[in-house]
Each structure stands twice: as structure tokens, then as C-alpha cells.
């Protein structure tokens, strides 16, 4: 073995990235599948998820089937290829319940106000009503390239703020329902 954990007869390109062996040794396969699953930006196959999680494809598929049966994962098959992603309804529930657990009603109200103020600032600054309206400005004739990049970035931030605001508002709406035994601050 060399200093980097690569066998002398092993191509360094094939060596596992630093830290992966420790991650594998310190966590169960199902935990690694969960870790990878909830970082997905788009649906992926069991093989891809398993490779990233350092778990066999068959074991990964079994874990994903269990998660799908529990309603935590959505499986979609197109042309014989099944891809998995976190179920949006379950993910939304977890976000809302986490906010209720983490913040008091007053803190949630303050956060809602901050996001509303931020969105209103963007409406005024860019003189459009929506993030999509700002994206449309990128297609206007004569818009300088540096403005296009700024508009795209701002539109993305705006959309994220609207999404966060929506989750915060739902947390406030469902506060009593999800606030199980919270100790008042």
C-alpha cells in the first residue's frame, strides 16, 4: 500500500476518493443510500445511486423498493429503465414539520416577513412581477450579456425565495397540527 491507500499494483485513477472508505466503515449501506438519495437533483437509477453510496446495485434496489413502499421515494420506469427520486409530497412534509420543530410561531412569522420583503425588493428593483418575468428580460433585444447573467441569477434566487416562502407559510398554517409537544421558548 502507498501513502494514499492505493495498492502498489492498483491504478491511482481507480482508487476510491479520500474519505469514502471511512464513510463506508462508519455507516450502514441503507444510510449511505439515503444520503445519496436526498441529494439528488434529478431521478437516478439504482445502479447510479448504489455506486455513489458504495452499495451493490441489488441491495440498493431493495432499499429503494422499501422506501417506495413507504411513500418516501418515487420510482418512474421509462423504456425499461427505472429511476428513483425523493417523493415530493414526503419531502414537503419533512420540510414543513422540520420548520415547526425548529422555530416558534413568532420566528416563522418573522421569516415569512423577511422573504416577502426580499421578493418585494426584487419586484421593485427589476420592475417585473415574477421571477419568470425577470427571466423574460434575458430574451429582450439589446439586453447586455452581463445583465442577462445577473437577471438569471436574480430570477433563480427569487424563485428559491418564493419556494421557501411557500413552505414557511404552510408551516405557519399547520403549526398546531405539527407542533407535537414542543416546549414553549
N, C-alpha and C. Protein backbone atom coordinates (compact mmCIF):
# COMPACT_ATOMS: atom_id res chain seq x y z
N UNK A 1 0.84 -1.19 0.00
CA UNK A 1 0.00 0.00 0.00
C UNK A 1 0.88 1.24 0.00
N UNK A 2 0.42 2.22 -0.75
CA UNK A 2 1.12 3.50 -0.74
C UNK A 2 0.49 4.39 0.31
N UNK A 3 1.03 5.56 0.44
CA UNK A 3 0.56 6.52 1.43
C UNK A 3 -0.91 6.88 1.24
N UNK A 4 -1.41 6.93 0.00
CA UNK A 4 -2.79 7.37 -0.28
C UNK A 4 -3.79 6.22 -0.18
N UNK A 5 -3.37 5.04 0.26
CA UNK A 5 -4.30 3.94 0.38
C UNK A 5 -4.51 3.19 -0.92
N UNK A 6 -3.64 3.41 -1.90
CA UNK A 6 -3.73 2.74 -3.19
C UNK A 6 -2.70 1.61 -3.17
N UNK A 7 -3.14 0.41 -3.54
CA UNK A 7 -2.19 -0.70 -3.62
C UNK A 7 -1.14 -0.38 -4.68
N UNK A 8 0.05 -0.95 -4.51
CA UNK A 8 1.13 -0.71 -5.46
C UNK A 8 0.76 -1.17 -6.87
N UNK A 9 -0.08 -2.21 -6.98
CA UNK A 9 -0.47 -2.73 -8.28
C UNK A 9 -1.78 -2.11 -8.80
N UNK A 10 -2.31 -1.12 -8.08
CA UNK A 10 -3.59 -0.51 -8.43
C UNK A 10 -3.36 0.83 -9.11
N UNK A 11 -4.13 1.08 -10.15
CA UNK A 11 -4.08 2.36 -10.85
C UNK A 11 -4.65 3.43 -9.93
N UNK A 12 -3.92 4.53 -9.67
CA UNK A 12 -4.44 5.58 -8.79
C UNK A 12 -5.78 6.14 -9.25
N UNK A 13 -6.07 6.06 -10.56
CA UNK A 13 -7.35 6.54 -11.07
C UNK A 13 -8.52 5.70 -10.54
N UNK A 14 -8.25 4.45 -10.16
CA UNK A 14 -9.30 3.55 -9.69
C UNK A 14 -9.47 3.60 -8.17
N UNK A 15 -8.62 4.35 -7.49
CA UNK A 15 -8.69 4.40 -6.04
C UNK A 15 -9.95 5.14 -5.60
N UNK A 16 -10.57 4.69 -4.50
CA UNK A 16 -11.74 5.41 -4.01
C UNK A 16 -11.35 6.80 -3.55
N UNK A 17 -12.22 7.77 -3.74
CA UNK A 17 -11.92 9.13 -3.27
C UNK A 17 -11.64 9.12 -1.78
N UNK A 18 -10.81 10.04 -1.33
CA UNK A 18 -10.48 10.14 0.09
C UNK A 18 -11.76 10.25 0.92
N UNK A 19 -11.81 9.54 2.03
CA UNK A 19 -12.94 9.62 2.93
C UNK A 19 -14.02 8.59 2.67
N UNK A 20 -14.07 8.00 1.45
CA UNK A 20 -15.15 7.07 1.16
C UNK A 20 -15.04 5.79 1.98
N UNK A 21 -13.83 5.30 2.18
CA UNK A 21 -13.66 4.07 2.98
C UNK A 21 -14.11 4.31 4.42
N UNK A 22 -13.81 5.49 4.95
CA UNK A 22 -14.23 5.83 6.31
C UNK A 22 -15.76 5.91 6.36
N UNK A 23 -16.36 6.57 5.36
CA UNK A 23 -17.82 6.69 5.28
C UNK A 23 -18.44 5.30 5.24
N UNK A 24 -17.86 4.41 4.42
CA UNK A 24 -18.37 3.05 4.29
C UNK A 24 -18.23 2.29 5.61
N UNK A 25 -17.11 2.46 6.27
CA UNK A 25 -16.86 1.74 7.52
C UNK A 25 -17.75 2.23 8.66
N UNK A 26 -18.09 3.52 8.65
CA UNK A 26 -18.81 4.12 9.77
C UNK A 26 -20.32 4.21 9.59
N UNK A 27 -20.82 3.87 8.41
CA UNK A 27 -22.27 3.96 8.18
C UNK A 27 -22.78 2.68 7.53
N UNK A 28 -24.05 2.41 7.76
CA UNK A 28 -24.70 1.26 7.15
C UNK A 28 -25.03 1.60 5.70
N UNK A 29 -25.14 0.57 4.88
CA UNK A 29 -25.46 0.76 3.47
C UNK A 29 -26.74 1.53 3.25
N UNK A 30 -27.76 1.21 4.04
CA UNK A 30 -29.05 1.89 3.90
C UNK A 30 -28.91 3.38 4.20
N UNK A 31 -28.06 3.73 5.16
CA UNK A 31 -27.84 5.15 5.49
C UNK A 31 -27.14 5.86 4.33
N UNK A 32 -26.20 5.18 3.68
CA UNK A 32 -25.50 5.79 2.55
C UNK A 32 -26.44 5.98 1.37
N UNK A 33 -27.33 5.00 1.16
CA UNK A 33 -28.33 5.14 0.09
C UNK A 33 -29.21 6.35 0.37
N UNK A 34 -29.64 6.51 1.62
CA UNK A 34 -30.46 7.66 2.00
C UNK A 34 -29.69 8.96 1.76
N UNK A 35 -28.42 8.98 2.18
CA UNK A 35 -27.60 10.19 1.99
C UNK A 35 -27.55 10.59 0.52
N UNK A 36 -27.31 9.62 -0.35
CA UNK A 36 -27.23 9.91 -1.79
C UNK A 36 -28.60 10.30 -2.32
N UNK A 37 -29.60 9.54 -1.96
CA UNK A 37 -30.96 9.77 -2.46
C UNK A 37 -31.43 11.20 -2.21
N UNK A 38 -31.19 11.71 -1.01
CA UNK A 38 -31.72 13.03 -0.67
C UNK A 38 -30.82 14.18 -1.09
N UNK A 39 -29.82 13.88 -1.91
CA UNK A 39 -29.04 14.95 -2.54
C UNK A 39 -29.29 15.00 -4.05
N UNK A 40 -30.15 14.11 -4.53
CA UNK A 40 -30.41 14.06 -5.98
C UNK A 40 -31.07 15.34 -6.49
N UNK A 41 -30.59 15.80 -7.60
CA UNK A 41 -31.20 16.94 -8.28
C UNK A 41 -32.14 16.46 -9.40
N UNK A 42 -31.96 15.20 -9.79
CA UNK A 42 -32.80 14.60 -10.82
C UNK A 42 -32.87 13.10 -10.56
N UNK A 43 -33.89 12.41 -11.07
CA UNK A 43 -34.02 10.97 -10.83
C UNK A 43 -32.79 10.20 -11.33
N UNK A 44 -32.44 9.14 -10.62
CA UNK A 44 -31.29 8.32 -10.99
C UNK A 44 -31.64 6.84 -10.85
N UNK A 45 -30.87 5.99 -11.53
CA UNK A 45 -31.08 4.55 -11.47
C UNK A 45 -30.53 4.00 -10.15
N UNK A 46 -30.98 2.79 -9.81
CA UNK A 46 -30.46 2.13 -8.61
C UNK A 46 -28.96 1.89 -8.75
N UNK A 47 -28.51 1.58 -9.95
CA UNK A 47 -27.07 1.36 -10.18
C UNK A 47 -26.27 2.60 -9.87
N UNK A 48 -26.74 3.74 -10.36
CA UNK A 48 -26.03 5.00 -10.12
C UNK A 48 -26.03 5.34 -8.64
N UNK A 49 -27.19 5.22 -7.99
CA UNK A 49 -27.30 5.53 -6.56
C UNK A 49 -26.40 4.59 -5.76
N UNK A 50 -26.44 3.30 -6.10
CA UNK A 50 -25.61 2.32 -5.40
C UNK A 50 -24.13 2.61 -5.55
N UNK A 51 -23.72 2.98 -6.75
CA UNK A 51 -22.30 3.30 -6.97
C UNK A 51 -21.88 4.48 -6.10
N UNK A 52 -22.70 5.51 -6.07
CA UNK A 52 -22.39 6.68 -5.25
C UNK A 52 -22.40 6.35 -3.76
N UNK A 53 -23.29 5.42 -3.36
CA UNK A 53 -23.45 5.06 -1.95
C UNK A 53 -22.51 3.94 -1.50
N UNK A 54 -21.75 3.39 -2.45
CA UNK A 54 -20.84 2.28 -2.16
C UNK A 54 -21.62 1.06 -1.67
N UNK A 55 -22.74 0.79 -2.36
CA UNK A 55 -23.62 -0.33 -2.04
C UNK A 55 -23.91 -1.06 -3.35
N UNK A 56 -24.05 -2.39 -3.29
CA UNK A 56 -24.33 -3.14 -4.51
C UNK A 56 -25.66 -2.67 -5.12
N UNK A 57 -25.77 -2.84 -6.42
CA UNK A 57 -26.99 -2.42 -7.11
C UNK A 57 -28.21 -3.19 -6.58
N UNK A 58 -28.06 -4.48 -6.34
CA UNK A 58 -29.19 -5.28 -5.85
C UNK A 58 -29.65 -4.81 -4.48
N UNK A 59 -28.71 -4.58 -3.58
CA UNK A 59 -29.06 -4.10 -2.24
C UNK A 59 -29.69 -2.71 -2.32
N UNK A 60 -29.14 -1.86 -3.17
CA UNK A 60 -29.69 -0.51 -3.35
C UNK A 60 -31.13 -0.61 -3.86
N UNK A 61 -31.35 -1.49 -4.83
CA UNK A 61 -32.69 -1.68 -5.38
C UNK A 61 -33.67 -2.12 -4.28
N UNK A 62 -33.23 -3.02 -3.40
CA UNK A 62 -34.08 -3.48 -2.30
C UNK A 62 -34.41 -2.33 -1.34
N UNK A 63 -33.41 -1.52 -1.01
CA UNK A 63 -33.65 -0.36 -0.15
C UNK A 63 -34.63 0.60 -0.81
N UNK A 64 -34.43 0.88 -2.09
CA UNK A 64 -35.28 1.82 -2.80
C UNK A 64 -36.72 1.31 -2.91
N UNK A 65 -36.88 0.00 -3.09
CA UNK A 65 -38.23 -0.58 -3.14
C UNK A 65 -38.93 -0.37 -1.79
N UNK A 66 -38.20 -0.60 -0.71
CA UNK A 66 -38.76 -0.38 0.63
C UNK A 66 -39.18 1.09 0.79
N UNK A 67 -38.31 2.01 0.40
CA UNK A 67 -38.63 3.44 0.50
C UNK A 67 -39.82 3.80 -0.37
N UNK A 68 -39.93 3.18 -1.54
CA UNK A 68 -41.08 3.44 -2.42
C UNK A 68 -42.35 2.93 -1.77
N UNK A 69 -42.29 1.73 -1.15
CA UNK A 69 -43.46 1.17 -0.46
C UNK A 69 -43.90 2.07 0.69
N UNK A 70 -42.95 2.76 1.32
CA UNK A 70 -43.25 3.66 2.43
C UNK A 70 -43.71 5.05 1.96
N UNK A 71 -43.62 5.30 0.65
CA UNK A 71 -44.03 6.59 0.12
C UNK A 71 -42.97 7.67 0.23
N UNK A 72 -41.75 7.28 0.50
CA UNK A 72 -40.65 8.24 0.65
C UNK A 72 -39.96 8.49 -0.69
N UNK A 73 -40.05 7.51 -1.58
CA UNK A 73 -39.38 7.56 -2.87
C UNK A 73 -40.39 7.34 -3.98
N UNK A 74 -40.17 8.01 -5.10
CA UNK A 74 -40.97 7.80 -6.29
C UNK A 74 -40.11 7.07 -7.32
N UNK A 75 -40.65 6.01 -7.89
CA UNK A 75 -39.95 5.25 -8.93
C UNK A 75 -40.69 5.47 -10.24
N UNK A 76 -39.94 5.79 -11.28
CA UNK A 76 -40.52 6.01 -12.60
C UNK A 76 -39.78 5.14 -13.60
N UNK A 77 -40.54 4.36 -14.39
CA UNK A 77 -39.92 3.50 -15.38
C UNK A 77 -40.27 4.01 -16.77
N UNK A 78 -39.23 4.27 -17.57
CA UNK A 78 -39.39 4.71 -18.95
C UNK A 78 -38.48 3.85 -19.81
N UNK A 79 -39.04 3.23 -20.83
CA UNK A 79 -38.28 2.37 -21.74
C UNK A 79 -37.51 1.29 -20.98
N UNK A 80 -38.11 0.75 -19.94
CA UNK A 80 -37.49 -0.32 -19.18
C UNK A 80 -36.45 0.11 -18.17
N UNK A 81 -36.21 1.41 -18.05
CA UNK A 81 -35.23 1.92 -17.10
C UNK A 81 -35.97 2.60 -15.94
N UNK A 82 -35.72 2.11 -14.73
CA UNK A 82 -36.37 2.68 -13.55
C UNK A 82 -35.42 3.66 -12.88
N UNK A 83 -35.95 4.84 -12.60
CA UNK A 83 -35.19 5.87 -11.90
C UNK A 83 -35.94 6.26 -10.64
N UNK A 84 -35.17 6.68 -9.65
CA UNK A 84 -35.72 6.98 -8.33
C UNK A 84 -35.41 8.42 -7.93
N UNK A 85 -36.32 8.97 -7.14
CA UNK A 85 -36.10 10.29 -6.57
C UNK A 85 -36.94 10.41 -5.31
N UNK A 86 -36.59 11.33 -4.40
CA UNK A 86 -37.42 11.52 -3.21
C UNK A 86 -38.83 11.93 -3.63
N UNK A 87 -39.82 11.40 -2.94
CA UNK A 87 -41.21 11.75 -3.23
C UNK A 87 -41.44 13.20 -2.83
N UNK A 88 -41.94 14.04 -3.74
CA UNK A 88 -42.12 15.46 -3.43
C UNK A 88 -43.08 15.74 -2.28
N UNK A 89 -44.12 14.93 -2.13
CA UNK A 89 -45.07 15.14 -1.04
C UNK A 89 -44.41 14.84 0.30
N UNK A 90 -43.67 13.75 0.36
CA UNK A 90 -42.98 13.39 1.59
C UNK A 90 -41.92 14.43 1.93
N UNK A 91 -41.19 14.87 0.90
CA UNK A 91 -40.14 15.88 1.11
C UNK A 91 -40.75 17.17 1.65
N UNK A 92 -41.88 17.57 1.10
CA UNK A 92 -42.57 18.78 1.56
C UNK A 92 -43.00 18.63 3.02
N UNK A 93 -43.58 17.49 3.35
CA UNK A 93 -44.00 17.23 4.73
C UNK A 93 -42.79 17.35 5.67
N UNK A 94 -41.67 16.77 5.31
CA UNK A 94 -40.47 16.81 6.15
C UNK A 94 -39.97 18.25 6.32
N UNK A 95 -40.00 19.03 5.24
CA UNK A 95 -39.57 20.44 5.33
C UNK A 95 -40.46 21.21 6.28
N UNK A 96 -41.77 21.07 6.12
CA UNK A 96 -42.73 21.80 6.95
C UNK A 96 -42.61 21.37 8.41
N UNK A 97 -42.59 20.07 8.66
CA UNK A 97 -42.52 19.60 10.05
C UNK A 97 -41.19 19.98 10.69
N UNK A 98 -40.12 20.02 9.91
CA UNK A 98 -38.82 20.43 10.43
C UNK A 98 -38.83 21.91 10.84
N UNK A 99 -39.48 22.75 10.04
CA UNK A 99 -39.58 24.17 10.39
C UNK A 99 -40.38 24.36 11.67
N UNK A 100 -41.47 23.62 11.82
CA UNK A 100 -42.30 23.72 13.03
C UNK A 100 -41.49 23.27 14.24
N UNK A 101 -40.70 22.24 14.06
CA UNK A 101 -39.87 21.73 15.17
C UNK A 101 -38.76 22.71 15.52
N UNK A 102 -38.23 23.37 14.52
CA UNK A 102 -37.05 24.23 14.70
C UNK A 102 -37.38 25.65 15.18
N UNK A 103 -38.53 26.19 14.79
CA UNK A 103 -38.84 27.59 15.05
C UNK A 103 -40.16 27.76 15.80
N UNK A 104 -40.25 28.81 16.58
CA UNK A 104 -41.52 29.17 17.21
C UNK A 104 -42.42 29.82 16.15
N UNK A 105 -43.67 29.97 16.48
CA UNK A 105 -44.61 30.62 15.56
C UNK A 105 -44.15 32.05 15.23
N UNK A 106 -43.67 32.79 16.25
CA UNK A 106 -43.19 34.16 16.01
C UNK A 106 -41.96 34.17 15.10
N UNK A 107 -41.07 33.22 15.29
CA UNK A 107 -39.89 33.14 14.43
C UNK A 107 -40.27 32.82 12.99
N UNK A 108 -41.23 31.93 12.82
CA UNK A 108 -41.72 31.63 11.46
C UNK A 108 -42.35 32.86 10.83
N UNK A 109 -43.13 33.59 11.61
CA UNK A 109 -43.76 34.82 11.11
C UNK A 109 -42.69 35.82 10.68
N UNK A 110 -41.64 35.97 11.47
CA UNK A 110 -40.53 36.87 11.11
C UNK A 110 -39.86 36.44 9.81
N UNK A 111 -39.66 35.14 9.67
CA UNK A 111 -39.03 34.63 8.45
C UNK A 111 -39.93 34.87 7.23
N UNK A 112 -41.23 34.68 7.40
CA UNK A 112 -42.16 34.96 6.30
C UNK A 112 -42.03 36.42 5.88
N UNK A 113 -42.00 37.31 6.85
CA UNK A 113 -41.90 38.74 6.54
C UNK A 113 -40.59 39.07 5.82
N UNK A 114 -39.49 38.45 6.24
CA UNK A 114 -38.20 38.70 5.57
C UNK A 114 -38.24 38.25 4.12
N UNK A 115 -38.84 37.07 3.85
CA UNK A 115 -38.91 36.58 2.48
C UNK A 115 -39.86 37.45 1.64
N UNK A 116 -40.97 37.88 2.23
CA UNK A 116 -41.88 38.77 1.49
C UNK A 116 -41.18 40.08 1.14
N UNK A 117 -40.43 40.61 2.08
CA UNK A 117 -39.69 41.86 1.84
C UNK A 117 -38.66 41.67 0.73
N UNK A 118 -37.97 40.54 0.76
CA UNK A 118 -36.96 40.26 -0.26
C UNK A 118 -37.59 40.16 -1.64
N UNK A 119 -38.72 39.49 -1.74
CA UNK A 119 -39.41 39.34 -3.03
C UNK A 119 -39.92 40.70 -3.51
N UNK A 120 -40.47 41.48 -2.60
CA UNK A 120 -40.95 42.82 -2.97
C UNK A 120 -39.80 43.70 -3.46
N UNK A 121 -38.66 43.59 -2.82
CA UNK A 121 -37.46 44.33 -3.25
C UNK A 121 -37.10 43.96 -4.69
N UNK A 122 -37.15 42.68 -5.02
CA UNK A 122 -36.82 42.24 -6.38
C UNK A 122 -37.85 42.75 -7.39
N UNK A 123 -39.12 42.74 -7.00
CA UNK A 123 -40.16 43.30 -7.89
C UNK A 123 -39.85 44.76 -8.23
N UNK A 124 -39.52 45.52 -7.19
CA UNK A 124 -39.23 46.94 -7.38
C UNK A 124 -37.93 47.15 -8.15
N UNK A 125 -36.91 46.42 -7.79
CA UNK A 125 -35.59 46.61 -8.41
C UNK A 125 -35.62 46.30 -9.90
N UNK A 126 -36.28 45.21 -10.28
CA UNK A 126 -36.27 44.78 -11.68
C UNK A 126 -37.53 45.19 -12.44
N UNK A 127 -38.47 45.81 -11.75
CA UNK A 127 -39.70 46.31 -12.36
C UNK A 127 -40.45 45.21 -13.13
N UNK A 128 -40.56 44.05 -12.48
CA UNK A 128 -41.35 42.93 -13.01
C UNK A 128 -42.10 42.32 -11.83
N UNK A 129 -43.14 41.54 -12.14
CA UNK A 129 -43.99 40.97 -11.08
C UNK A 129 -43.56 39.59 -10.61
N UNK A 130 -42.82 38.86 -11.46
CA UNK A 130 -42.47 37.47 -11.12
C UNK A 130 -41.04 37.15 -11.53
N UNK A 131 -40.55 36.05 -11.00
CA UNK A 131 -39.23 35.55 -11.40
C UNK A 131 -39.22 35.22 -12.89
N UNK A 132 -40.33 34.67 -13.39
CA UNK A 132 -40.43 34.37 -14.82
C UNK A 132 -40.40 35.65 -15.66
N UNK A 133 -40.99 36.71 -15.13
CA UNK A 133 -40.93 38.00 -15.82
C UNK A 133 -39.49 38.49 -15.92
N UNK A 134 -38.71 38.25 -14.89
CA UNK A 134 -37.30 38.63 -14.92
C UNK A 134 -36.54 37.75 -15.91
N UNK A 135 -36.86 36.48 -15.95
CA UNK A 135 -36.21 35.59 -16.94
C UNK A 135 -36.53 36.05 -18.36
N UNK A 136 -37.75 36.53 -18.57
CA UNK A 136 -38.14 37.01 -19.91
C UNK A 136 -37.30 38.20 -20.34
N UNK A 137 -36.84 38.99 -19.38
CA UNK A 137 -35.99 40.14 -19.72
C UNK A 137 -34.68 39.70 -20.36
N UNK A 138 -34.25 38.47 -20.08
CA UNK A 138 -32.99 38.00 -20.67
C UNK A 138 -33.12 37.81 -22.18
N UNK A 139 -34.35 37.65 -22.66
CA UNK A 139 -34.58 37.43 -24.09
C UNK A 139 -34.88 38.72 -24.85
N UNK A 140 -34.99 39.83 -24.13
CA UNK A 140 -35.30 41.10 -24.80
C UNK A 140 -34.12 41.54 -25.67
N UNK A 141 -34.47 42.04 -26.80
CA UNK A 141 -33.47 42.55 -27.75
C UNK A 141 -32.61 43.62 -27.10
N UNK A 142 -31.31 43.50 -27.25
CA UNK A 142 -30.39 44.52 -26.76
C UNK A 142 -29.99 44.41 -25.30
N UNK A 143 -30.44 43.35 -24.61
CA UNK A 143 -30.05 43.19 -23.21
C UNK A 143 -28.58 42.79 -23.16
N UNK A 144 -27.73 43.59 -22.49
CA UNK A 144 -26.30 43.26 -22.42
C UNK A 144 -26.07 41.92 -21.72
N UNK A 145 -25.04 41.21 -22.15
CA UNK A 145 -24.75 39.88 -21.62
C UNK A 145 -24.57 39.90 -20.10
N UNK A 146 -23.92 40.93 -19.56
CA UNK A 146 -23.71 40.97 -18.10
C UNK A 146 -25.04 41.14 -17.36
N UNK A 147 -26.01 41.77 -17.99
CA UNK A 147 -27.34 41.87 -17.38
C UNK A 147 -28.07 40.54 -17.45
N UNK A 148 -27.88 39.83 -18.56
CA UNK A 148 -28.53 38.52 -18.72
C UNK A 148 -28.09 37.60 -17.58
N UNK A 149 -26.80 37.57 -17.31
CA UNK A 149 -26.29 36.72 -16.23
C UNK A 149 -26.84 37.16 -14.88
N UNK A 150 -26.89 38.47 -14.62
CA UNK A 150 -27.44 38.99 -13.37
C UNK A 150 -28.92 38.66 -13.25
N UNK A 151 -29.66 38.83 -14.34
CA UNK A 151 -31.09 38.54 -14.32
C UNK A 151 -31.36 37.06 -14.04
N UNK A 152 -30.58 36.19 -14.68
CA UNK A 152 -30.77 34.75 -14.45
C UNK A 152 -30.50 34.39 -12.99
N UNK A 153 -29.42 34.92 -12.46
CA UNK A 153 -29.07 34.64 -11.07
C UNK A 153 -30.15 35.18 -10.13
N UNK A 154 -30.59 36.40 -10.36
CA UNK A 154 -31.62 37.01 -9.52
C UNK A 154 -32.94 36.25 -9.65
N UNK A 155 -33.29 35.83 -10.87
CA UNK A 155 -34.53 35.07 -11.07
C UNK A 155 -34.48 33.75 -10.31
N UNK A 156 -33.33 33.11 -10.31
CA UNK A 156 -33.17 31.86 -9.58
C UNK A 156 -33.31 32.09 -8.08
N UNK A 157 -32.67 33.15 -7.57
CA UNK A 157 -32.79 33.48 -6.15
C UNK A 157 -34.23 33.84 -5.78
N UNK A 158 -34.89 34.55 -6.67
CA UNK A 158 -36.29 34.94 -6.47
C UNK A 158 -37.18 33.70 -6.38
N UNK A 159 -36.99 32.78 -7.32
CA UNK A 159 -37.79 31.55 -7.31
C UNK A 159 -37.54 30.74 -6.04
N UNK A 160 -36.29 30.68 -5.61
CA UNK A 160 -35.96 29.97 -4.36
C UNK A 160 -36.64 30.65 -3.17
N UNK A 161 -36.64 31.98 -3.17
CA UNK A 161 -37.28 32.73 -2.08
C UNK A 161 -38.78 32.47 -2.07
N UNK A 162 -39.40 32.42 -3.25
CA UNK A 162 -40.83 32.13 -3.33
C UNK A 162 -41.14 30.72 -2.83
N UNK A 163 -40.28 29.78 -3.17
CA UNK A 163 -40.47 28.41 -2.72
C UNK A 163 -40.33 28.32 -1.20
N UNK A 164 -39.31 28.96 -0.66
CA UNK A 164 -39.11 28.96 0.79
C UNK A 164 -40.27 29.65 1.49
N UNK A 165 -40.74 30.76 0.93
CA UNK A 165 -41.88 31.47 1.49
C UNK A 165 -43.12 30.57 1.52
N UNK A 166 -43.33 29.83 0.46
CA UNK A 166 -44.47 28.92 0.39
C UNK A 166 -44.39 27.86 1.49
N UNK A 167 -43.21 27.30 1.72
CA UNK A 167 -43.04 26.29 2.77
C UNK A 167 -43.24 26.91 4.15
N UNK A 168 -42.70 28.11 4.34
CA UNK A 168 -42.86 28.80 5.62
C UNK A 168 -44.33 29.09 5.91
N UNK A 169 -45.07 29.55 4.89
CA UNK A 169 -46.49 29.83 5.07
C UNK A 169 -47.26 28.56 5.42
N UNK A 170 -46.90 27.44 4.80
CA UNK A 170 -47.57 26.18 5.13
C UNK A 170 -47.22 25.76 6.56
N UNK A 171 -45.97 25.99 6.98
CA UNK A 171 -45.58 25.65 8.36
C UNK A 171 -46.41 26.46 9.35
N UNK A 172 -46.63 27.73 9.05
CA UNK A 172 -47.47 28.55 9.94
C UNK A 172 -48.91 28.04 9.94
N UNK A 173 -49.42 27.72 8.77
CA UNK A 173 -50.80 27.24 8.64
C UNK A 173 -51.01 25.94 9.41
N UNK A 174 -50.02 25.07 9.39
CA UNK A 174 -50.14 23.75 10.01
C UNK A 174 -49.43 23.68 11.37
N UNK A 175 -49.11 24.81 11.94
CA UNK A 175 -48.31 24.84 13.16
C UNK A 175 -48.92 23.99 14.27
N UNK A 176 -50.19 24.18 14.54
CA UNK A 176 -50.84 23.43 15.62
C UNK A 176 -50.84 21.93 15.32
N UNK A 177 -51.07 21.60 14.08
CA UNK A 177 -51.15 20.20 13.67
C UNK A 177 -49.81 19.47 13.84
N UNK A 178 -48.71 20.15 13.53
CA UNK A 178 -47.39 19.52 13.57
C UNK A 178 -46.62 19.78 14.85
N UNK A 179 -47.08 20.68 15.68
CA UNK A 179 -46.37 21.05 16.90
C UNK A 179 -46.72 20.07 18.01
N UNK A 180 -46.05 18.94 17.99
CA UNK A 180 -46.34 17.88 18.96
C UNK A 180 -45.42 18.01 20.17
N UNK A 181 -45.97 18.52 21.24
CA UNK A 181 -45.22 18.54 22.48
C UNK A 181 -44.05 19.51 22.53
N UNK A 182 -44.06 20.50 21.67
CA UNK A 182 -42.97 21.48 21.66
C UNK A 182 -43.01 22.26 22.97
N UNK A 183 -41.85 22.45 23.56
CA UNK A 183 -41.75 23.24 24.79
C UNK A 183 -41.67 24.70 24.39
N UNK A 184 -42.57 25.55 24.91
CA UNK A 184 -42.54 26.97 24.55
C UNK A 184 -41.20 27.60 24.90
N UNK A 185 -40.76 28.54 24.05
CA UNK A 185 -39.47 29.21 24.28
C UNK A 185 -39.57 30.23 25.39
